[in-house]
Protein backbone atom coordinates (compact mmCIF):
# COMPACT_ATOMS: atom_id res chain seq x y z
CA UNK A 1 0.00 0.00 0.00
CA UNK A 2 1.31 3.44 -0.90
CA UNK A 3 1.80 5.36 2.37
CA UNK A 4 0.77 8.62 0.73
CA UNK A 5 -2.44 7.23 -0.78
CA UNK A 6 -5.43 9.35 0.27
CA UNK A 7 -8.10 7.56 2.32
CA UNK A 8 -10.66 7.93 -0.49
CA UNK A 9 -8.53 5.57 -2.62
CA UNK A 10 -8.15 2.84 0.02
CA UNK A 11 -10.42 -0.21 -0.21
CA UNK A 12 -13.34 -0.19 2.24
CA UNK A 13 -12.36 -3.55 3.74
CA UNK A 14 -8.91 -2.14 4.56
CA UNK A 15 -10.45 0.97 6.10
CA UNK A 16 -12.76 -1.25 8.16
CA UNK A 17 -9.81 -3.32 9.48
CA UNK A 18 -7.96 -0.11 10.33
CA UNK A 19 -10.99 1.16 12.30
CA UNK A 20 -11.37 -2.20 14.06
CA UNK A 21 -7.70 -2.03 15.12
CA UNK A 22 -8.29 1.52 16.37
CA UNK A 23 -11.28 0.35 18.44
CA UNK A 24 -9.27 -2.51 19.92
CA UNK A 25 -6.59 -0.02 21.02
CA UNK A 26 -9.22 2.42 22.25
CA UNK A 27 -10.61 -0.22 24.63
CA UNK A 28 -7.27 -0.09 26.48
CA UNK A 29 -7.74 3.62 27.28
CA UNK A 30 -11.53 4.08 27.20
CA UNK A 31 -11.84 4.64 30.97
CA UNK A 32 -9.65 7.73 30.76
CA UNK A 33 -11.12 11.21 30.49
CA UNK A 34 -11.43 11.88 26.76
CA UNK A 35 -13.05 15.20 25.89
CA UNK A 36 -10.63 16.89 23.47
CA UNK A 37 -9.29 14.85 20.56
CA UNK A 38 -7.00 15.90 17.71
CA UNK A 39 -6.98 13.74 14.55
CA UNK A 40 -3.92 14.68 12.47
CA UNK A 41 -4.90 12.70 9.35
CA UNK A 42 -8.68 12.62 9.47
CA UNK A 43 -9.20 10.65 6.25
CA UNK A 44 -12.84 9.69 5.79
CA UNK A 45 -13.50 10.01 9.52
CA UNK A 46 -13.61 6.31 10.48
CA UNK A 47 -11.58 6.66 13.67
CA UNK A 48 -13.38 9.79 14.86
CA UNK A 49 -16.82 8.36 14.11
CA UNK A 50 -15.96 5.17 16.04
CA UNK A 51 -14.58 7.22 18.93
CA UNK A 52 -17.73 9.35 19.14
CA UNK A 53 -19.87 6.20 19.27
CA UNK A 54 -17.92 5.33 22.47
CA UNK A 55 -17.52 8.89 23.84
CA UNK A 56 -20.40 10.96 22.42
CA UNK A 57 -19.52 14.09 24.41
CA UNK A 58 -15.97 14.30 23.04
CA UNK A 59 -14.98 17.06 20.63
CA UNK A 60 -12.73 16.18 17.68
CA UNK A 61 -10.55 18.59 15.73
CA UNK A 62 -9.48 16.94 12.46
CA UNK A 63 -7.08 17.79 9.67
CA UNK A 64 -7.21 16.32 6.15
CA UNK A 65 -4.87 17.61 3.42
CA UNK A 66 -6.47 15.80 0.45
CA UNK A 67 -9.41 17.89 -0.81
CA UNK A 68 -11.46 15.05 -2.33
CA UNK A 69 -11.10 12.99 0.86
CA UNK A 70 -12.04 16.06 2.93
CA UNK A 71 -15.23 16.51 0.86
CA UNK A 72 -16.25 12.84 1.23
CA UNK A 73 -15.40 12.57 4.95
CA UNK A 74 -18.01 11.80 7.59
CA UNK A 75 -18.51 14.63 10.04
CA UNK A 76 -20.62 13.50 12.99
CA UNK A 77 -21.75 16.01 15.59
CA UNK A 78 -18.79 17.09 17.70
CA UNK A 79 -16.29 17.07 14.81
CA UNK A 80 -14.67 20.04 13.10
CA UNK A 81 -12.41 19.18 10.15
CA UNK A 82 -10.07 21.48 8.25
CA UNK A 83 -8.83 20.87 4.72
CA UNK A 84 -5.16 21.39 5.54
CA UNK A 85 -2.10 19.46 6.61
CA UNK A 86 -1.17 19.18 10.27
CA UNK A 87 0.04 21.31 11.84
CA UNK A 88 -1.56 24.13 9.89
CA UNK A 89 0.75 26.86 8.67
CA UNK A 90 0.50 30.56 9.52
CA UNK A 91 -1.96 31.28 6.68
CA UNK A 92 -4.55 28.84 8.09
CA UNK A 93 -5.91 31.29 10.67
CA UNK A 94 -9.14 29.49 11.59
CA UNK A 95 -7.41 26.10 11.93
CA UNK A 96 -4.63 27.58 14.07
CA UNK A 97 -7.18 29.38 16.24
CA UNK A 98 -9.17 26.17 16.73
CA UNK A 99 -5.97 24.33 17.63
CA UNK A 100 -5.35 26.72 20.52
CA UNK A 101 -8.49 25.35 22.21
CA UNK A 102 -7.12 21.80 21.89
CA UNK A 103 -3.76 22.36 23.58
CA UNK A 104 -3.12 19.59 26.10
CA UNK A 105 -5.65 17.38 24.36
CA UNK A 106 -6.79 14.13 25.91
CA UNK A 107 -6.13 11.98 22.84
CA UNK A 108 -4.06 12.31 19.67
CA UNK A 109 -5.18 10.18 16.73
CA UNK A 110 -2.17 9.65 14.48
CA UNK A 111 -3.06 7.45 11.52
CA UNK A 112 -0.12 9.04 9.71
CA UNK A 113 0.28 6.17 7.21
CA UNK A 114 4.05 6.48 6.83
CA UNK A 115 5.10 6.11 10.47
CA UNK A 116 7.85 3.74 11.62
CA UNK A 117 10.49 3.72 14.34
CA UNK A 118 12.86 5.23 11.76
CA UNK A 119 10.44 7.94 10.56
CA UNK A 120 8.79 9.46 13.66
CA UNK A 121 9.08 13.13 12.63
CA UNK A 122 5.37 13.72 11.92
CA UNK A 123 4.30 12.00 15.13
CA UNK A 124 6.76 13.98 17.24
CA UNK A 125 5.65 17.22 15.57
CA UNK A 126 2.01 16.40 16.40
CA UNK A 127 2.85 15.55 20.03
CA UNK A 128 4.75 18.82 20.38
CA UNK A 129 1.85 20.79 18.85
CA UNK A 130 -0.97 19.48 21.09
CA UNK A 131 0.69 17.86 24.14
CA UNK A 132 -1.68 14.86 24.36
CA UNK A 133 -2.27 12.63 27.39
CA UNK A 134 -2.79 9.55 25.18
CA UNK A 135 -2.01 8.53 21.61
CA UNK A 136 -3.42 5.97 19.23
CA UNK A 137 -1.23 5.62 16.16
CA UNK A 138 -0.75 3.40 13.12
CA UNK A 139 2.70 2.07 12.32
CA UNK A 140 3.49 0.49 8.94
CA UNK A 141 6.76 -1.23 9.88
CA UNK A 142 5.07 -4.59 10.47
CA UNK A 143 4.32 -5.02 6.76
CA UNK A 144 8.00 -5.75 6.09
CA UNK A 145 9.21 -6.57 9.60
CA UNK A 146 9.97 -10.16 8.59
CA UNK A 147 12.62 -8.70 6.26
CA UNK A 148 13.64 -5.47 8.04
CA UNK A 149 13.74 -6.62 11.67
CA UNK A 150 17.56 -6.21 11.99
CA UNK A 151 17.14 -2.63 10.73
CA UNK A 152 15.01 -1.95 13.82
CA UNK A 153 17.47 -3.62 16.20
CA UNK A 154 15.34 -6.76 16.66
CA UNK A 155 16.65 -10.31 16.94
CA UNK A 156 13.48 -12.05 15.70
CA UNK A 157 11.26 -11.36 12.67
CA UNK A 158 7.71 -10.14 13.35
CA UNK A 159 8.46 -9.23 16.99
CA UNK A 160 5.86 -6.47 17.43
CA UNK A 161 6.26 -6.32 21.22
CA UNK A 162 10.03 -5.90 20.85
CA UNK A 163 9.49 -3.36 18.10
CA UNK A 164 7.17 -1.21 20.20
CA UNK A 165 9.54 -1.50 23.16
CA UNK A 166 12.29 -0.06 20.92
CA UNK A 167 9.82 2.59 19.72
CA UNK A 168 9.11 3.47 23.35
CA UNK A 169 12.80 3.74 24.23
CA UNK A 170 13.92 5.80 21.25
CA UNK A 171 10.85 7.80 20.16
CA UNK A 172 8.44 7.98 23.10
CA UNK A 173 10.41 7.91 26.36
CA UNK A 174 8.13 8.91 29.22
CA UNK A 175 5.16 7.17 27.56
CA UNK A 176 3.72 3.75 28.35
CA UNK A 177 2.72 1.36 25.55
CA UNK A 178 -0.61 -0.15 26.65
CA UNK A 179 -1.88 -2.11 23.64
CA UNK A 180 -1.10 -3.25 20.10
CA UNK A 181 -3.67 -4.40 17.54
CA UNK A 182 -2.63 -5.98 14.26
CA UNK A 183 -5.69 -6.82 12.22
CA UNK A 184 -4.17 -6.02 8.85
CA UNK A 185 -1.02 -7.03 7.00
CA UNK A 186 0.01 -3.46 6.21
CA UNK A 187 -0.10 -1.86 9.65
CA UNK A 188 -0.40 -2.23 13.41
CA UNK A 189 -2.14 0.23 15.68
CA UNK A 190 -0.80 1.01 19.13
CA UNK A 191 -2.10 2.90 22.16
CA UNK A 192 0.16 4.90 24.46
CA UNK A 193 -0.45 6.89 27.64
CA UNK A 194 1.73 9.60 29.09
CA UNK A 195 3.69 8.58 32.15
Foldseek 3Di string as FASTA:
>chain_A
DDLVDALVPDDPVVVVLVLVLLVVQCVLVLVPDAAEEEEQACFQPSNVVVVCVSVVNHAYEYEHQDPVRVVNHDDDPRYDYDNRGPPHDPVPVVSVVVLVVQAQHAEYEAASSADFLVDCVVVVSVCVSRVYQKYKYKHQCQLCQCPCVVVQVDPHGNPVVVRVVSSCVPPNPQKAWRDWADRDNGIIMTMIGGD
